[in-house]
């Protein structure tokens, strides 16, 4: 991940990173990705949309939760290992405490209809947040070497492979990721050759 542009704000300290990622993690019921994009790109402006998409692409390929990987990379970008530790601690500490408390009380609370309804509602909200974030990030495809049509075709192929043919996600990522990489290299080479 490239360093932040000089006109981009930066976190003031590793503690600032810890607090920012703690607040981000506590907002992300059902998934933090949409909240992370809004906080890191739109609100705090620590990254551009293109940087976010690039960093998130790498974070998806690494083992572990995507947004945790993203926090680790962003923390390292600003403050090295101290920033990486602060960001990942912020992402994990408060949610870990909250999950332990909720897990301990789940059997007692799950039998109440309002709690069961709230959990179902959170699932729908999480799906809506992910869809909204995806629509918001579509604009970055214009600058992608593949162009919007090939990107959409790869995305649609991925969706069909996973939902219709029930292909294992790991094989889809390896297969279509390799195909996308190869096509992108070809497109970049063709552009350089045309200049």
N, C-alpha and C. Protein backbone atom coordinates (compact mmCIF):
# COMPACT_ATOMS: atom_id res chain seq x y z
N UNK A 1 0.85 -1.16 0.00
CA UNK A 1 0.00 0.00 0.00
C UNK A 1 0.90 1.23 0.00
N UNK A 2 0.61 2.17 -0.85
CA UNK A 2 1.42 3.37 -0.95
C UNK A 2 1.18 4.27 0.25
N UNK A 3 2.15 5.14 0.51
CA UNK A 3 1.98 6.05 1.64
C UNK A 3 0.94 7.10 1.29
N UNK A 4 0.37 7.70 2.32
CA UNK A 4 -0.70 8.66 2.12
C UNK A 4 -0.19 9.88 1.38
N UNK A 5 -1.04 10.42 0.53
CA UNK A 5 -0.69 11.63 -0.18
C UNK A 5 -0.54 12.77 0.82
N UNK A 6 0.33 13.78 0.52
CA UNK A 6 0.57 14.83 1.49
C UNK A 6 -0.67 15.62 1.87
N UNK A 7 -1.66 15.70 0.97
CA UNK A 7 -2.86 16.48 1.28
C UNK A 7 -3.89 15.68 2.07
N UNK A 8 -3.59 14.42 2.35
CA UNK A 8 -4.51 13.59 3.14
C UNK A 8 -4.20 13.74 4.62
N UNK A 9 -5.24 13.85 5.44
CA UNK A 9 -5.00 13.87 6.89
C UNK A 9 -4.42 12.53 7.34
N UNK A 10 -3.74 12.55 8.47
CA UNK A 10 -3.19 11.33 9.06
C UNK A 10 -3.66 11.23 10.50
N UNK A 11 -3.69 10.02 11.03
CA UNK A 11 -3.97 9.90 12.46
C UNK A 11 -2.85 10.58 13.25
N UNK A 12 -3.20 11.15 14.40
CA UNK A 12 -2.22 11.91 15.19
C UNK A 12 -1.23 11.00 15.92
N UNK A 13 -1.68 9.81 16.29
CA UNK A 13 -0.83 8.93 17.10
C UNK A 13 -1.39 7.51 17.00
N UNK A 14 -0.62 6.51 17.47
CA UNK A 14 -1.18 5.16 17.55
C UNK A 14 -2.44 5.09 18.42
N UNK A 15 -2.49 5.91 19.47
CA UNK A 15 -3.70 5.94 20.31
C UNK A 15 -4.90 6.42 19.50
N UNK A 16 -4.70 7.42 18.66
CA UNK A 16 -5.77 7.91 17.78
C UNK A 16 -6.25 6.79 16.85
N UNK A 17 -5.32 6.00 16.32
CA UNK A 17 -5.67 4.84 15.50
C UNK A 17 -6.49 3.83 16.31
N UNK A 18 -6.04 3.54 17.53
CA UNK A 18 -6.74 2.59 18.39
C UNK A 18 -8.18 3.04 18.62
N UNK A 19 -8.36 4.30 18.98
CA UNK A 19 -9.71 4.82 19.25
C UNK A 19 -10.56 4.78 17.98
N UNK A 20 -9.98 5.19 16.85
CA UNK A 20 -10.73 5.20 15.58
C UNK A 20 -11.19 3.80 15.21
N UNK A 21 -10.29 2.81 15.33
CA UNK A 21 -10.68 1.45 14.95
C UNK A 21 -11.60 0.81 15.99
N UNK A 22 -11.51 1.21 17.24
CA UNK A 22 -12.46 0.72 18.24
C UNK A 22 -13.86 1.22 17.91
N UNK A 23 -13.96 2.53 17.61
CA UNK A 23 -15.27 3.10 17.25
C UNK A 23 -15.80 2.46 15.97
N UNK A 24 -14.92 2.22 15.01
CA UNK A 24 -15.31 1.57 13.76
C UNK A 24 -15.85 0.16 14.02
N UNK A 25 -15.13 -0.58 14.85
CA UNK A 25 -15.53 -1.97 15.14
C UNK A 25 -16.87 -2.02 15.87
N UNK A 26 -17.12 -1.06 16.75
CA UNK A 26 -18.37 -1.06 17.51
C UNK A 26 -19.57 -0.64 16.67
N UNK A 27 -19.33 -0.05 15.51
CA UNK A 27 -20.43 0.33 14.61
C UNK A 27 -20.79 -0.80 13.65
N UNK A 28 -19.97 -1.82 13.56
CA UNK A 28 -20.10 -2.79 12.49
C UNK A 28 -20.82 -4.06 12.84
N UNK A 29 -22.03 -3.99 13.31
CA UNK A 29 -22.80 -5.19 13.56
C UNK A 29 -23.12 -5.86 12.23
N UNK A 30 -22.72 -7.12 12.09
CA UNK A 30 -23.01 -7.85 10.86
C UNK A 30 -21.97 -7.64 9.78
N UNK A 31 -20.99 -6.82 10.03
CA UNK A 31 -19.93 -6.58 9.06
C UNK A 31 -19.45 -5.15 9.13
N UNK A 32 -18.15 -4.98 9.11
CA UNK A 32 -17.55 -3.67 9.30
C UNK A 32 -17.16 -3.03 7.98
N UNK A 33 -17.22 -3.77 6.89
CA UNK A 33 -16.68 -3.27 5.62
C UNK A 33 -17.30 -1.95 5.18
N UNK A 34 -18.61 -1.87 5.18
CA UNK A 34 -19.27 -0.64 4.73
C UNK A 34 -18.94 0.52 5.66
N UNK A 35 -18.87 0.24 6.95
CA UNK A 35 -18.54 1.28 7.93
C UNK A 35 -17.08 1.70 7.75
N UNK A 36 -16.20 0.73 7.49
CA UNK A 36 -14.78 1.04 7.29
C UNK A 36 -14.58 1.95 6.09
N UNK A 37 -15.26 1.65 5.01
CA UNK A 37 -15.14 2.50 3.81
C UNK A 37 -15.62 3.91 4.11
N UNK A 38 -16.75 4.04 4.78
CA UNK A 38 -17.27 5.37 5.10
C UNK A 38 -16.33 6.12 6.03
N UNK A 39 -15.84 5.45 7.08
CA UNK A 39 -14.98 6.11 8.06
C UNK A 39 -13.61 6.47 7.50
N UNK A 40 -12.95 5.51 6.84
CA UNK A 40 -11.57 5.71 6.41
C UNK A 40 -11.45 6.57 5.17
N UNK A 41 -12.44 6.48 4.26
CA UNK A 41 -12.37 7.22 3.00
C UNK A 41 -13.16 8.52 3.07
N UNK A 42 -14.43 8.45 3.41
CA UNK A 42 -15.30 9.63 3.35
C UNK A 42 -15.12 10.56 4.54
N UNK A 43 -15.11 9.99 5.74
CA UNK A 43 -15.12 10.84 6.93
C UNK A 43 -13.72 11.29 7.34
N UNK A 44 -12.81 10.35 7.56
CA UNK A 44 -11.47 10.70 8.04
C UNK A 44 -10.50 11.06 6.91
N UNK A 45 -10.79 10.57 5.69
CA UNK A 45 -9.97 10.82 4.50
C UNK A 45 -8.53 10.35 4.66
N UNK A 46 -8.34 9.25 5.38
CA UNK A 46 -7.00 8.67 5.53
C UNK A 46 -6.60 7.92 4.27
N UNK A 47 -7.57 7.60 3.41
CA UNK A 47 -7.32 6.87 2.16
C UNK A 47 -8.24 7.44 1.09
N UNK A 48 -7.82 7.27 -0.17
CA UNK A 48 -8.73 7.56 -1.27
C UNK A 48 -9.55 6.31 -1.54
N UNK A 49 -10.57 6.43 -2.36
CA UNK A 49 -11.36 5.23 -2.70
C UNK A 49 -10.50 4.21 -3.42
N UNK A 50 -9.64 4.67 -4.31
CA UNK A 50 -8.78 3.75 -5.05
C UNK A 50 -7.82 3.02 -4.10
N UNK A 51 -7.24 3.76 -3.13
CA UNK A 51 -6.37 3.13 -2.15
C UNK A 51 -7.14 2.11 -1.31
N UNK A 52 -8.38 2.45 -0.96
CA UNK A 52 -9.20 1.54 -0.16
C UNK A 52 -9.46 0.25 -0.94
N UNK A 53 -9.84 0.38 -2.21
CA UNK A 53 -10.11 -0.81 -3.03
C UNK A 53 -8.85 -1.66 -3.18
N UNK A 54 -7.71 -1.01 -3.43
CA UNK A 54 -6.45 -1.76 -3.57
C UNK A 54 -6.09 -2.48 -2.28
N UNK A 55 -6.15 -1.75 -1.15
CA UNK A 55 -5.80 -2.36 0.13
C UNK A 55 -6.78 -3.47 0.51
N UNK A 56 -8.06 -3.25 0.24
CA UNK A 56 -9.05 -4.27 0.57
C UNK A 56 -8.86 -5.52 -0.30
N UNK A 57 -8.45 -5.33 -1.55
CA UNK A 57 -8.18 -6.47 -2.42
C UNK A 57 -7.06 -7.33 -1.84
N UNK A 58 -6.01 -6.69 -1.37
CA UNK A 58 -4.91 -7.44 -0.74
C UNK A 58 -5.38 -8.09 0.55
N UNK A 59 -6.18 -7.36 1.34
CA UNK A 59 -6.67 -7.88 2.62
C UNK A 59 -7.51 -9.13 2.43
N UNK A 60 -8.24 -9.21 1.31
CA UNK A 60 -9.06 -10.39 1.05
C UNK A 60 -8.22 -11.62 0.75
N UNK A 61 -7.05 -11.42 0.19
CA UNK A 61 -6.20 -12.55 -0.17
C UNK A 61 -5.42 -13.10 1.01
N UNK A 62 -5.26 -12.30 2.06
CA UNK A 62 -4.52 -12.75 3.24
C UNK A 62 -5.42 -13.58 4.15
N UNK A 63 -4.84 -14.50 4.91
CA UNK A 63 -5.67 -15.27 5.84
C UNK A 63 -6.18 -14.37 6.96
N UNK A 64 -7.38 -14.66 7.43
CA UNK A 64 -7.98 -13.89 8.52
C UNK A 64 -9.07 -12.97 8.02
N UNK A 65 -9.76 -12.32 8.96
CA UNK A 65 -10.84 -11.41 8.59
C UNK A 65 -10.32 -10.23 7.76
N UNK A 66 -11.04 -9.90 6.70
CA UNK A 66 -10.60 -8.87 5.75
C UNK A 66 -10.36 -7.52 6.40
N UNK A 67 -11.29 -7.06 7.21
CA UNK A 67 -11.17 -5.72 7.78
C UNK A 67 -10.08 -5.68 8.85
N UNK A 68 -9.85 -6.79 9.52
CA UNK A 68 -8.73 -6.85 10.47
C UNK A 68 -7.42 -6.73 9.71
N UNK A 69 -7.31 -7.42 8.58
CA UNK A 69 -6.11 -7.30 7.74
C UNK A 69 -5.94 -5.87 7.25
N UNK A 70 -7.04 -5.24 6.87
CA UNK A 70 -7.01 -3.86 6.40
C UNK A 70 -6.53 -2.93 7.51
N UNK A 71 -7.01 -3.13 8.73
CA UNK A 71 -6.59 -2.29 9.86
C UNK A 71 -5.10 -2.46 10.12
N UNK A 72 -4.62 -3.68 10.02
CA UNK A 72 -3.20 -3.97 10.22
C UNK A 72 -2.35 -3.23 9.19
N UNK A 73 -2.76 -3.28 7.92
CA UNK A 73 -2.01 -2.60 6.86
C UNK A 73 -2.04 -1.09 7.04
N UNK A 74 -3.19 -0.54 7.40
CA UNK A 74 -3.31 0.90 7.56
C UNK A 74 -2.51 1.39 8.76
N UNK A 75 -2.56 0.64 9.86
CA UNK A 75 -1.76 1.01 11.03
C UNK A 75 -0.28 1.00 10.72
N UNK A 76 0.17 -0.01 10.00
CA UNK A 76 1.58 -0.10 9.61
C UNK A 76 1.96 1.05 8.67
N UNK A 77 1.06 1.43 7.82
CA UNK A 77 1.31 2.51 6.87
C UNK A 77 1.66 3.82 7.58
N UNK A 78 1.01 4.11 8.70
CA UNK A 78 1.20 5.38 9.37
C UNK A 78 2.25 5.34 10.48
N UNK A 79 2.31 4.25 11.27
CA UNK A 79 3.18 4.23 12.44
C UNK A 79 4.00 2.94 12.57
N UNK A 80 4.14 2.19 11.48
CA UNK A 80 4.93 0.96 11.56
C UNK A 80 4.26 -0.08 12.45
N UNK A 81 5.09 -0.87 13.15
CA UNK A 81 4.53 -1.97 13.95
C UNK A 81 3.67 -1.45 15.10
N UNK A 82 4.00 -0.26 15.65
CA UNK A 82 3.18 0.30 16.74
C UNK A 82 1.78 0.64 16.24
N UNK A 83 1.71 1.21 15.04
CA UNK A 83 0.41 1.54 14.45
C UNK A 83 -0.38 0.29 14.11
N UNK A 84 0.33 -0.73 13.58
CA UNK A 84 -0.34 -1.98 13.25
C UNK A 84 -0.93 -2.62 14.50
N UNK A 85 -0.16 -2.61 15.59
CA UNK A 85 -0.64 -3.19 16.85
C UNK A 85 -1.82 -2.38 17.40
N UNK A 86 -1.73 -1.05 17.33
CA UNK A 86 -2.81 -0.20 17.84
C UNK A 86 -4.09 -0.41 17.03
N UNK A 87 -3.97 -0.45 15.70
CA UNK A 87 -5.16 -0.59 14.85
C UNK A 87 -5.82 -1.96 15.04
N UNK A 88 -5.02 -3.00 15.07
CA UNK A 88 -5.60 -4.34 15.21
C UNK A 88 -6.18 -4.53 16.63
N UNK A 89 -5.55 -3.92 17.63
CA UNK A 89 -6.11 -3.98 18.99
C UNK A 89 -7.44 -3.26 19.05
N UNK A 90 -7.51 -2.11 18.39
CA UNK A 90 -8.78 -1.37 18.35
C UNK A 90 -9.88 -2.16 17.66
N UNK A 91 -9.52 -2.87 16.59
CA UNK A 91 -10.51 -3.67 15.86
C UNK A 91 -11.02 -4.85 16.68
N UNK A 92 -10.17 -5.40 17.55
CA UNK A 92 -10.52 -6.67 18.19
C UNK A 92 -10.92 -6.57 19.66
N UNK A 93 -10.38 -5.62 20.43
CA UNK A 93 -10.58 -5.65 21.87
C UNK A 93 -12.04 -5.48 22.30
N UNK A 94 -12.65 -4.37 21.94
CA UNK A 94 -14.03 -4.11 22.37
C UNK A 94 -15.01 -5.15 21.82
N UNK A 95 -14.93 -5.51 20.53
CA UNK A 95 -15.84 -6.55 20.04
C UNK A 95 -15.64 -7.90 20.75
N UNK A 96 -14.40 -8.22 21.10
CA UNK A 96 -14.14 -9.47 21.81
C UNK A 96 -14.84 -9.47 23.16
N UNK A 97 -14.72 -8.38 23.89
CA UNK A 97 -15.38 -8.28 25.20
C UNK A 97 -16.90 -8.36 25.02
N UNK A 98 -17.42 -7.65 24.03
CA UNK A 98 -18.86 -7.65 23.77
C UNK A 98 -19.37 -9.04 23.38
N UNK A 99 -18.62 -9.74 22.54
CA UNK A 99 -19.03 -11.09 22.12
C UNK A 99 -19.01 -12.06 23.30
N UNK A 100 -18.01 -11.94 24.15
CA UNK A 100 -17.95 -12.82 25.33
C UNK A 100 -19.17 -12.59 26.23
N UNK A 101 -19.51 -11.33 26.46
CA UNK A 101 -20.67 -11.01 27.29
C UNK A 101 -21.96 -11.52 26.64
N UNK A 102 -22.12 -11.28 25.34
CA UNK A 102 -23.34 -11.73 24.65
C UNK A 102 -23.42 -13.26 24.58
N UNK A 103 -22.28 -13.91 24.36
CA UNK A 103 -22.29 -15.38 24.31
C UNK A 103 -22.68 -15.97 25.65
N UNK A 104 -22.22 -15.35 26.72
CA UNK A 104 -22.55 -15.84 28.06
C UNK A 104 -24.04 -15.68 28.36
N UNK A 105 -24.68 -14.67 27.78
CA UNK A 105 -26.09 -14.43 28.07
C UNK A 105 -27.03 -14.85 26.93
N UNK A 106 -26.50 -15.44 25.85
CA UNK A 106 -27.30 -15.76 24.67
C UNK A 106 -28.44 -16.73 24.98
N UNK A 107 -28.17 -17.78 25.71
CA UNK A 107 -29.22 -18.78 26.00
C UNK A 107 -30.41 -18.18 26.72
N UNK A 108 -30.15 -17.22 27.61
CA UNK A 108 -31.25 -16.59 28.32
C UNK A 108 -31.99 -15.58 27.44
N UNK A 109 -31.26 -14.87 26.57
CA UNK A 109 -31.87 -13.80 25.77
C UNK A 109 -32.52 -14.30 24.48
N UNK A 110 -32.02 -15.38 23.91
CA UNK A 110 -32.51 -15.84 22.60
C UNK A 110 -33.97 -16.29 22.63
N UNK A 111 -34.48 -16.63 23.78
CA UNK A 111 -35.86 -17.09 23.85
C UNK A 111 -36.87 -15.94 23.81
N UNK A 112 -36.41 -14.71 23.98
CA UNK A 112 -37.31 -13.56 23.92
C UNK A 112 -37.56 -13.17 22.47
N UNK A 113 -38.83 -13.10 22.03
CA UNK A 113 -39.13 -12.75 20.63
C UNK A 113 -38.53 -11.42 20.16
N UNK A 114 -38.51 -10.37 21.00
CA UNK A 114 -37.89 -9.13 20.51
C UNK A 114 -36.40 -9.29 20.17
N UNK A 115 -35.69 -10.09 20.95
CA UNK A 115 -34.27 -10.30 20.70
C UNK A 115 -34.08 -11.10 19.41
N UNK A 116 -34.89 -12.15 19.22
CA UNK A 116 -34.80 -12.94 17.98
C UNK A 116 -35.12 -12.08 16.76
N UNK A 117 -36.12 -11.21 16.86
CA UNK A 117 -36.47 -10.31 15.77
C UNK A 117 -35.36 -9.31 15.49
N UNK A 118 -34.74 -8.80 16.54
CA UNK A 118 -33.63 -7.85 16.37
C UNK A 118 -32.46 -8.50 15.65
N UNK A 119 -32.16 -9.75 15.99
CA UNK A 119 -31.06 -10.45 15.32
C UNK A 119 -31.35 -10.66 13.84
N UNK A 120 -32.60 -11.01 13.50
CA UNK A 120 -32.97 -11.16 12.08
C UNK A 120 -32.88 -9.82 11.37
N UNK A 121 -33.31 -8.76 12.04
CA UNK A 121 -33.25 -7.43 11.45
C UNK A 121 -31.82 -6.98 11.19
N UNK A 122 -30.91 -7.31 12.10
CA UNK A 122 -29.51 -6.94 11.91
C UNK A 122 -28.92 -7.62 10.68
N UNK A 123 -29.34 -8.84 10.40
CA UNK A 123 -28.87 -9.53 9.20
C UNK A 123 -29.28 -8.79 7.93
N UNK A 124 -30.53 -8.31 7.90
CA UNK A 124 -31.00 -7.57 6.74
C UNK A 124 -30.27 -6.24 6.60
N UNK A 125 -30.03 -5.58 7.70
CA UNK A 125 -29.29 -4.30 7.67
C UNK A 125 -27.87 -4.52 7.17
N UNK A 126 -27.22 -5.59 7.64
CA UNK A 126 -25.85 -5.88 7.21
C UNK A 126 -25.80 -6.12 5.70
N UNK A 127 -26.76 -6.87 5.17
CA UNK A 127 -26.79 -7.12 3.73
C UNK A 127 -26.99 -5.81 2.96
N UNK A 128 -27.85 -4.95 3.47
CA UNK A 128 -28.07 -3.65 2.82
C UNK A 128 -26.84 -2.76 2.85
N UNK A 129 -26.10 -2.78 3.97
CA UNK A 129 -24.87 -1.99 4.06
C UNK A 129 -23.83 -2.46 3.06
N UNK A 130 -23.69 -3.76 2.92
CA UNK A 130 -22.71 -4.31 1.97
C UNK A 130 -23.10 -3.94 0.55
N UNK A 131 -24.38 -4.05 0.21
CA UNK A 131 -24.84 -3.68 -1.13
C UNK A 131 -24.62 -2.19 -1.39
N UNK A 132 -24.92 -1.34 -0.41
CA UNK A 132 -24.73 0.10 -0.58
C UNK A 132 -23.26 0.44 -0.78
N UNK A 133 -22.37 -0.23 -0.01
CA UNK A 133 -20.94 0.01 -0.16
C UNK A 133 -20.46 -0.43 -1.53
N UNK A 134 -20.95 -1.56 -2.02
CA UNK A 134 -20.55 -2.05 -3.34
C UNK A 134 -20.98 -1.06 -4.43
N UNK A 135 -22.20 -0.54 -4.33
CA UNK A 135 -22.67 0.43 -5.32
C UNK A 135 -21.84 1.71 -5.27
N UNK A 136 -21.46 2.12 -4.07
CA UNK A 136 -20.66 3.33 -3.92
C UNK A 136 -19.26 3.16 -4.51
N UNK A 137 -18.72 1.96 -4.43
CA UNK A 137 -17.36 1.71 -4.91
C UNK A 137 -17.32 1.44 -6.42
N UNK A 138 -18.47 1.32 -7.07
CA UNK A 138 -18.48 1.05 -8.51
C UNK A 138 -17.73 2.11 -9.31
N UNK A 139 -17.73 3.34 -8.83
CA UNK A 139 -17.04 4.41 -9.55
C UNK A 139 -15.56 4.18 -9.74
N UNK A 140 -14.93 3.42 -8.82
CA UNK A 140 -13.50 3.15 -8.94
C UNK A 140 -13.19 2.23 -10.11
N UNK A 141 -14.20 1.52 -10.64
CA UNK A 141 -13.95 0.60 -11.75
C UNK A 141 -13.59 1.34 -13.04
N UNK A 142 -13.97 2.61 -13.14
CA UNK A 142 -13.64 3.38 -14.34
C UNK A 142 -12.13 3.48 -14.53
N UNK A 143 -11.39 3.55 -13.41
CA UNK A 143 -9.94 3.69 -13.48
C UNK A 143 -9.22 2.34 -13.49
N UNK A 144 -9.95 1.25 -13.32
CA UNK A 144 -9.36 -0.08 -13.31
C UNK A 144 -8.85 -0.43 -14.70
N UNK A 145 -7.68 -1.06 -14.81
CA UNK A 145 -7.15 -1.43 -16.13
C UNK A 145 -8.10 -2.31 -16.94
N UNK A 146 -8.95 -3.09 -16.27
CA UNK A 146 -9.88 -3.97 -16.99
C UNK A 146 -11.05 -3.19 -17.58
N UNK A 147 -11.38 -2.07 -16.97
CA UNK A 147 -12.55 -1.33 -17.41
C UNK A 147 -13.81 -1.88 -16.76
N UNK A 148 -14.89 -1.11 -16.77
CA UNK A 148 -16.10 -1.53 -16.06
C UNK A 148 -16.75 -2.79 -16.63
N UNK A 149 -16.69 -2.99 -17.94
CA UNK A 149 -17.37 -4.14 -18.53
C UNK A 149 -16.70 -5.45 -18.11
N UNK A 150 -15.38 -5.53 -18.24
CA UNK A 150 -14.69 -6.76 -17.84
C UNK A 150 -14.78 -6.99 -16.33
N UNK A 151 -14.71 -5.91 -15.54
CA UNK A 151 -14.87 -6.06 -14.08
C UNK A 151 -16.25 -6.62 -13.74
N UNK A 152 -17.28 -6.07 -14.40
CA UNK A 152 -18.64 -6.55 -14.16
C UNK A 152 -18.79 -8.01 -14.59
N UNK A 153 -18.17 -8.37 -15.70
CA UNK A 153 -18.22 -9.75 -16.17
C UNK A 153 -17.55 -10.70 -15.19
N UNK A 154 -16.39 -10.32 -14.67
CA UNK A 154 -15.72 -11.15 -13.66
C UNK A 154 -16.56 -11.25 -12.38
N UNK A 155 -17.15 -10.13 -11.96
CA UNK A 155 -18.01 -10.14 -10.77
C UNK A 155 -19.22 -11.02 -10.95
N UNK A 156 -19.86 -10.92 -12.11
CA UNK A 156 -21.04 -11.74 -12.40
C UNK A 156 -20.67 -13.22 -12.48
N UNK A 157 -19.53 -13.52 -13.08
CA UNK A 157 -19.07 -14.91 -13.15
C UNK A 157 -18.82 -15.46 -11.76
N UNK A 158 -18.23 -14.65 -10.90
CA UNK A 158 -17.99 -15.06 -9.50
C UNK A 158 -19.30 -15.34 -8.79
N UNK A 159 -20.25 -14.43 -8.94
CA UNK A 159 -21.56 -14.59 -8.31
C UNK A 159 -22.25 -15.88 -8.77
N UNK A 160 -22.24 -16.13 -10.07
CA UNK A 160 -22.87 -17.33 -10.61
C UNK A 160 -22.16 -18.59 -10.14
N UNK A 161 -20.82 -18.56 -10.15
CA UNK A 161 -20.06 -19.75 -9.72
C UNK A 161 -20.36 -20.11 -8.27
N UNK A 162 -20.48 -19.09 -7.42
CA UNK A 162 -20.68 -19.36 -5.99
C UNK A 162 -22.14 -19.67 -5.67
N UNK A 163 -23.08 -18.91 -6.25
CA UNK A 163 -24.49 -19.08 -5.86
C UNK A 163 -25.21 -20.16 -6.65
N UNK A 164 -24.95 -20.24 -7.95
CA UNK A 164 -25.68 -21.20 -8.77
C UNK A 164 -24.99 -22.57 -8.76
N UNK A 165 -23.68 -22.57 -9.03
CA UNK A 165 -22.96 -23.83 -9.13
C UNK A 165 -22.36 -24.30 -7.80
N UNK A 166 -22.50 -23.46 -6.76
CA UNK A 166 -22.01 -23.80 -5.42
C UNK A 166 -20.54 -24.20 -5.42
N UNK A 167 -19.75 -23.52 -6.24
CA UNK A 167 -18.31 -23.78 -6.29
C UNK A 167 -17.68 -23.28 -4.99
N UNK A 168 -16.70 -24.01 -4.47
CA UNK A 168 -16.03 -23.55 -3.24
C UNK A 168 -15.37 -22.19 -3.47
N UNK A 169 -15.57 -21.28 -2.53
CA UNK A 169 -15.08 -19.91 -2.67
C UNK A 169 -13.57 -19.86 -2.89
N UNK A 170 -12.82 -20.73 -2.22
CA UNK A 170 -11.36 -20.72 -2.38
C UNK A 170 -10.98 -20.99 -3.83
N UNK A 171 -11.64 -21.95 -4.47
CA UNK A 171 -11.33 -22.28 -5.87
C UNK A 171 -11.78 -21.16 -6.81
N UNK A 172 -12.88 -20.53 -6.48
CA UNK A 172 -13.35 -19.41 -7.31
C UNK A 172 -12.37 -18.25 -7.23
N UNK A 173 -11.90 -17.95 -6.01
CA UNK A 173 -10.93 -16.86 -5.84
C UNK A 173 -9.63 -17.17 -6.58
N UNK A 174 -9.15 -18.40 -6.43
CA UNK A 174 -7.91 -18.78 -7.11
C UNK A 174 -8.10 -18.75 -8.63
N UNK A 175 -9.16 -19.36 -9.13
CA UNK A 175 -9.38 -19.45 -10.56
C UNK A 175 -9.68 -18.10 -11.21
N UNK A 176 -10.71 -17.43 -10.71
CA UNK A 176 -11.08 -16.16 -11.32
C UNK A 176 -10.11 -15.04 -10.96
N UNK A 177 -9.48 -15.14 -9.78
CA UNK A 177 -8.44 -14.16 -9.42
C UNK A 177 -7.26 -14.26 -10.37
N UNK A 178 -6.84 -15.48 -10.68
CA UNK A 178 -5.75 -15.68 -11.63
C UNK A 178 -6.15 -15.21 -13.02
N UNK A 179 -7.37 -15.53 -13.41
CA UNK A 179 -7.86 -15.07 -14.73
C UNK A 179 -7.91 -13.54 -14.78
N UNK A 180 -8.43 -12.90 -13.72
CA UNK A 180 -8.49 -11.44 -13.67
C UNK A 180 -7.11 -10.82 -13.71
N UNK A 181 -6.17 -11.43 -12.99
CA UNK A 181 -4.80 -10.94 -13.00
C UNK A 181 -4.20 -11.03 -14.41
N UNK A 182 -4.41 -12.17 -15.06
CA UNK A 182 -3.88 -12.36 -16.41
C UNK A 182 -4.48 -11.37 -17.40
N UNK A 183 -5.79 -11.18 -17.33
CA UNK A 183 -6.45 -10.24 -18.24
C UNK A 183 -5.98 -8.81 -17.97
N UNK A 184 -5.82 -8.46 -16.68
CA UNK A 184 -5.34 -7.12 -16.33
C UNK A 184 -3.93 -6.89 -16.87
N UNK A 185 -3.05 -7.89 -16.74
CA UNK A 185 -1.68 -7.77 -17.28
C UNK A 185 -1.73 -7.56 -18.79
N UNK A 186 -2.59 -8.30 -19.46
CA UNK A 186 -2.73 -8.18 -20.91
C UNK A 186 -3.22 -6.78 -21.28
N UNK A 187 -4.24 -6.27 -20.55
CA UNK A 187 -4.78 -4.93 -20.81
C UNK A 187 -3.73 -3.85 -20.58
N UNK A 188 -2.95 -3.99 -19.49
CA UNK A 188 -1.90 -3.01 -19.20
C UNK A 188 -0.83 -3.04 -20.27
N UNK A 189 -0.44 -4.27 -20.68
CA UNK A 189 0.56 -4.40 -21.74
C UNK A 189 0.07 -3.81 -23.06
N UNK A 190 -1.19 -4.01 -23.36
CA UNK A 190 -1.76 -3.46 -24.60
C UNK A 190 -1.78 -1.94 -24.55
N UNK A 191 -2.11 -1.37 -23.39
CA UNK A 191 -2.11 0.09 -23.26
C UNK A 191 -0.70 0.67 -23.44
N UNK A 192 0.28 0.01 -22.80
CA UNK A 192 1.67 0.49 -22.91
C UNK A 192 2.17 0.35 -24.34
N UNK A 193 1.76 -0.74 -25.00
CA UNK A 193 2.17 -0.95 -26.39
C UNK A 193 1.56 0.06 -27.34
N UNK A 194 0.36 0.57 -26.99
CA UNK A 194 -0.34 1.53 -27.86
C UNK A 194 0.19 2.95 -27.73
N UNK A 195 1.02 3.20 -26.71
CA UNK A 195 1.51 4.57 -26.49
C UNK A 195 2.73 4.86 -27.32
